[in-house]
Amino acid sequence: MQKFLKLIRIAEHNDWVIYCILGSIFIYIILLSVFQREANIKDFLLQKIEDSNNLTPSWVIISIVKCVMTALLLSQFVPIVPKFLSDFHLFGFEINKFGFTFLTLLSFDIVRNILTFFFYSSVGSGKNLKGLTLVSSKFYFLESIAFIVASFALYYFPVDLVKYFYFIIGLVIFSFILKNLIYLFHKQSILPENWYYKFLYICTLQIVPVLVLWKFLFY
């Protein structure tokens, strides 16, 4: 008696991924054309603080795109969606891993930015917030472009997921370290003037929140 094994191949539909990537690129084109007054990427990256245009809306747009691209990369490796979210349904839809990762990253950014504002205000360094906003916008702009490339490779090329996960972790760690080095040694005063406030900011509003975020996503 012959036994026949029926193999069912589940086709992956990644159209939503390309929509996210193309949408992010289109948003960046609008950002440079409208909010940055027809600036190109080089002009934006070399922009000085006194010449910055529409700094707050530009920073908000870049932060949201960064969250979308980071969620695209990490959501494939997030083990589960917490039960209190998976049980929540709206019009028959439930939150998937991408939605969970994006909402977590967005909430994380909002809370950290609020705490950063209060921290700078409490130590008398509110004047440095504009410089921090400009520098972080430039850094997140470049980081999100790198994440766009990495996301495209993840979803549209036959990569080894285990090895690629380690690559993504290495990329995120390198990006995190580079960002804080830029904050510390930038020629503009973007961190509080006193050295102990600088390290307090990096420890409490950079390192600790990232560890909490990692624990929440990959517990």
Protein backbone atom coordinates (compact mmCIF):
# COMPACT_ATOMS: atom_id res chain seq x y z
CA MET A 1 0.00 0.00 0.00
CA GLN A 2 1.45 3.22 -1.07
CA LYS A 3 1.28 6.19 1.18
CA PHE A 4 1.04 9.55 -0.37
CA LEU A 5 2.17 12.56 1.55
CA LYS A 6 0.43 15.71 0.51
CA LEU A 7 2.57 18.75 0.99
CA ILE A 8 0.71 22.01 1.24
CA ARG A 9 2.79 25.04 0.44
CA ILE A 10 1.51 28.18 2.09
CA ALA A 11 2.31 31.12 -0.12
CA GLU A 12 3.47 34.23 1.67
CA HIS A 13 1.85 37.45 0.61
CA ASN A 14 4.22 40.29 1.38
CA ASP A 15 2.45 43.01 -0.55
CA TRP A 16 1.90 44.91 2.69
CA VAL A 17 5.68 45.02 3.19
CA ILE A 18 6.33 46.72 -0.13
CA TYR A 19 3.47 49.11 0.62
CA CYS A 20 5.16 50.07 3.91
CA ILE A 21 8.53 50.52 2.20
CA LEU A 22 7.20 52.52 -0.75
CA GLY A 23 5.00 54.56 1.58
CA SER A 24 7.98 55.43 3.77
CA ILE A 25 10.05 56.45 0.73
CA PHE A 26 7.18 58.59 -0.55
CA ILE A 27 6.80 60.25 2.85
CA TYR A 28 10.51 61.06 2.88
CA ILE A 29 10.20 62.63 -0.58
CA ILE A 30 7.38 64.83 0.73
CA LEU A 31 9.44 65.62 3.83
CA LEU A 32 12.39 66.88 1.79
CA SER A 33 10.25 68.63 -0.81
CA VAL A 34 7.72 70.35 1.44
CA PHE A 35 8.97 70.51 5.01
CA GLN A 36 12.64 70.98 4.06
CA ARG A 37 11.96 73.31 1.12
CA GLU A 38 13.20 71.23 -1.79
CA ALA A 39 16.33 70.11 0.06
CA ASN A 40 18.18 67.01 -1.03
CA ILE A 41 19.49 64.40 1.40
CA LYS A 42 22.94 66.01 1.59
CA ASP A 43 21.48 69.44 2.35
CA PHE A 44 19.29 67.97 5.08
CA LEU A 45 22.15 66.08 6.73
CA LEU A 46 24.46 69.13 6.64
CA GLN A 47 21.76 71.48 7.88
CA LYS A 48 22.77 73.65 10.84
CA ILE A 49 20.49 74.24 13.77
CA GLU A 50 19.98 77.92 12.96
CA ASP A 51 18.93 77.01 9.42
CA SER A 52 16.61 74.17 10.37
CA ASN A 53 13.09 74.30 8.92
CA ASN A 54 9.95 72.73 10.38
CA LEU A 55 12.05 70.84 12.89
CA THR A 56 9.25 69.40 15.03
CA PRO A 57 7.04 68.01 12.21
CA SER A 58 10.13 66.64 10.43
CA TRP A 59 11.24 64.89 13.60
CA VAL A 60 7.76 63.42 14.17
CA ILE A 61 7.57 62.10 10.58
CA ILE A 62 11.05 60.59 10.71
CA SER A 63 10.35 58.98 14.11
CA ILE A 64 7.16 57.33 12.81
CA VAL A 65 8.91 56.01 9.69
CA LYS A 66 11.73 54.68 11.89
CA CYS A 67 9.18 52.85 14.05
CA VAL A 68 7.53 51.31 10.97
CA MET A 69 10.85 50.10 9.54
CA THR A 70 12.08 48.78 12.88
CA ALA A 71 8.78 46.94 13.34
CA LEU A 72 9.17 45.38 9.89
CA LEU A 73 12.56 44.02 10.87
CA LEU A 74 11.81 42.81 14.38
CA SER A 75 8.22 41.57 14.05
CA GLN A 76 9.32 38.45 12.16
CA PHE A 77 11.28 37.36 15.23
CA VAL A 78 8.90 38.41 18.02
CA PRO A 79 7.75 35.13 19.61
CA ILE A 80 4.16 35.95 20.55
CA VAL A 81 1.61 38.70 20.86
CA PRO A 82 0.61 39.09 24.54
CA LYS A 83 -2.77 37.58 25.32
CA PHE A 84 -4.29 40.85 26.52
CA LEU A 85 -3.67 42.24 23.02
CA SER A 86 -4.43 39.13 20.96
CA ASP A 87 -7.81 38.84 22.70
CA PHE A 88 -8.68 42.40 21.68
CA HIS A 89 -10.69 42.54 18.45
CA LEU A 90 -11.83 45.60 16.53
CA PHE A 91 -14.32 45.08 13.68
CA GLY A 92 -13.19 41.48 13.40
CA PHE A 93 -9.48 42.31 13.23
CA GLU A 94 -6.85 41.45 15.79
CA ILE A 95 -3.34 42.76 16.38
CA ASN A 96 -0.65 40.71 14.65
CA LYS A 97 3.06 40.67 15.43
CA PHE A 98 3.79 43.66 13.23
CA GLY A 99 1.04 45.72 14.83
CA PHE A 100 2.16 44.69 18.31
CA THR A 101 5.78 45.59 17.56
CA PHE A 102 4.88 48.92 15.94
CA LEU A 103 2.57 50.00 18.77
CA THR A 104 5.20 48.99 21.32
CA LEU A 105 7.94 50.98 19.57
CA LEU A 106 5.66 53.99 19.10
CA SER A 107 4.58 53.96 22.75
CA PHE A 108 8.20 53.53 23.79
CA ASP A 109 9.24 56.59 21.77
CA ILE A 110 6.39 58.74 23.11
CA VAL A 111 7.12 57.90 26.74
CA ARG A 112 10.87 58.34 26.35
CA ASN A 113 10.47 61.69 24.61
CA ILE A 114 8.16 62.97 27.33
CA LEU A 115 10.65 61.89 29.99
CA THR A 116 13.48 63.49 28.01
CA PHE A 117 11.62 66.80 27.94
CA PHE A 118 11.08 66.70 31.71
CA PHE A 119 14.69 65.67 32.31
CA TYR A 120 16.12 68.51 30.23
CA SER A 121 13.76 71.01 31.86
CA SER A 122 14.63 69.82 35.37
CA VAL A 123 18.41 70.17 34.85
CA GLY A 124 18.15 73.54 33.13
CA SER A 125 19.17 72.34 29.66
CA GLY A 126 15.95 73.05 27.80
CA LYS A 127 17.87 75.16 25.27
CA ASN A 128 19.70 72.02 24.11
CA LEU A 129 16.50 70.19 23.15
CA LYS A 130 16.41 71.80 19.70
CA GLY A 131 19.92 70.55 18.96
CA LEU A 132 19.04 67.07 20.23
CA THR A 133 15.94 67.02 18.04
CA LEU A 134 17.89 68.02 14.92
CA VAL A 135 20.74 65.55 15.46
CA SER A 136 18.40 62.68 16.32
CA SER A 137 16.27 63.46 13.23
CA LYS A 138 19.32 63.19 10.96
CA PHE A 139 20.47 59.99 12.64
CA TYR A 140 17.04 58.33 12.53
CA PHE A 141 16.67 59.38 8.89
CA LEU A 142 19.82 57.47 7.92
CA GLU A 143 18.97 54.59 10.26
CA SER A 144 15.52 54.16 8.74
CA ILE A 145 17.02 54.09 5.22
CA ALA A 146 19.36 51.29 6.35
CA PHE A 147 16.36 49.48 7.86
CA ILE A 148 14.43 49.87 4.58
CA VAL A 149 17.22 48.04 2.75
CA ALA A 150 17.45 45.38 5.48
CA SER A 151 13.65 44.86 5.48
CA PHE A 152 13.56 44.45 1.71
CA ALA A 153 16.30 41.81 1.92
CA LEU A 154 14.51 40.02 4.77
CA TYR A 155 11.17 39.65 2.97
CA TYR A 156 12.23 39.32 -0.66
CA PHE A 157 15.49 37.38 -0.60
CA PRO A 158 16.05 33.77 0.54
CA VAL A 159 18.01 34.56 3.70
CA ASP A 160 18.77 32.26 6.60
CA LEU A 161 16.46 33.64 9.30
CA VAL A 162 18.68 32.60 12.20
CA LYS A 163 21.78 34.21 10.72
CA TYR A 164 19.80 37.24 9.62
CA PHE A 165 18.41 37.66 13.12
CA TYR A 166 21.95 37.90 14.48
CA PHE A 167 22.77 40.37 11.72
CA ILE A 168 19.79 42.53 12.68
CA ILE A 169 20.74 42.42 16.36
CA GLY A 170 24.29 43.44 15.44
CA LEU A 171 22.93 46.27 13.27
CA VAL A 172 20.66 47.53 16.04
CA ILE A 173 23.44 47.38 18.66
CA PHE A 174 25.90 49.15 16.35
CA SER A 175 23.30 51.83 15.59
CA PHE A 176 22.55 52.31 19.29
CA ILE A 177 26.22 52.66 20.24
CA LEU A 178 26.92 55.02 17.34
CA LYS A 179 23.96 57.22 18.24
CA ASN A 180 25.10 57.67 21.83
CA LEU A 181 28.68 58.38 20.76
CA ILE A 182 27.36 61.08 18.44
CA TYR A 183 25.31 62.52 21.29
CA LEU A 184 28.36 62.58 23.55
CA PHE A 185 30.93 64.00 21.15
CA HIS A 186 28.88 66.18 18.82
CA LYS A 187 30.30 69.66 18.39
CA GLN A 188 26.92 71.17 19.20
CA SER A 189 25.69 71.13 22.79
CA ILE A 190 22.89 68.61 22.55
CA LEU A 191 23.29 66.94 25.95
CA PRO A 192 23.24 68.66 29.37
CA GLU A 193 26.47 70.55 30.07
CA ASN A 194 27.53 68.71 33.24
CA TRP A 195 29.17 65.36 32.58
CA TYR A 196 27.17 63.51 35.26
CA TYR A 197 23.90 64.67 33.67
CA LYS A 198 25.14 63.40 30.31
CA PHE A 199 25.78 59.91 31.64
CA LEU A 200 22.58 60.01 33.70
CA TYR A 201 20.66 60.75 30.50
CA ILE A 202 22.37 57.97 28.55
CA CYS A 203 21.90 55.41 31.33
CA THR A 204 18.32 56.23 32.32
CA LEU A 205 16.79 57.39 29.02
CA GLN A 206 18.82 55.40 26.50
CA ILE A 207 20.20 52.16 27.91
CA VAL A 208 17.56 51.20 30.49
CA PRO A 209 14.52 51.84 28.24
CA VAL A 210 16.05 49.75 25.43
CA LEU A 211 16.61 46.84 27.83
CA VAL A 212 13.00 47.12 29.02
CA LEU A 213 11.78 47.27 25.43
CA TRP A 214 13.80 44.18 24.50
CA LYS A 215 12.44 42.30 27.50
CA PHE A 216 8.86 43.24 26.59
CA LEU A 217 9.16 42.21 22.93
CA PHE A 218 11.16 39.01 23.40
CA TYR A 219 10.15 37.77 26.83
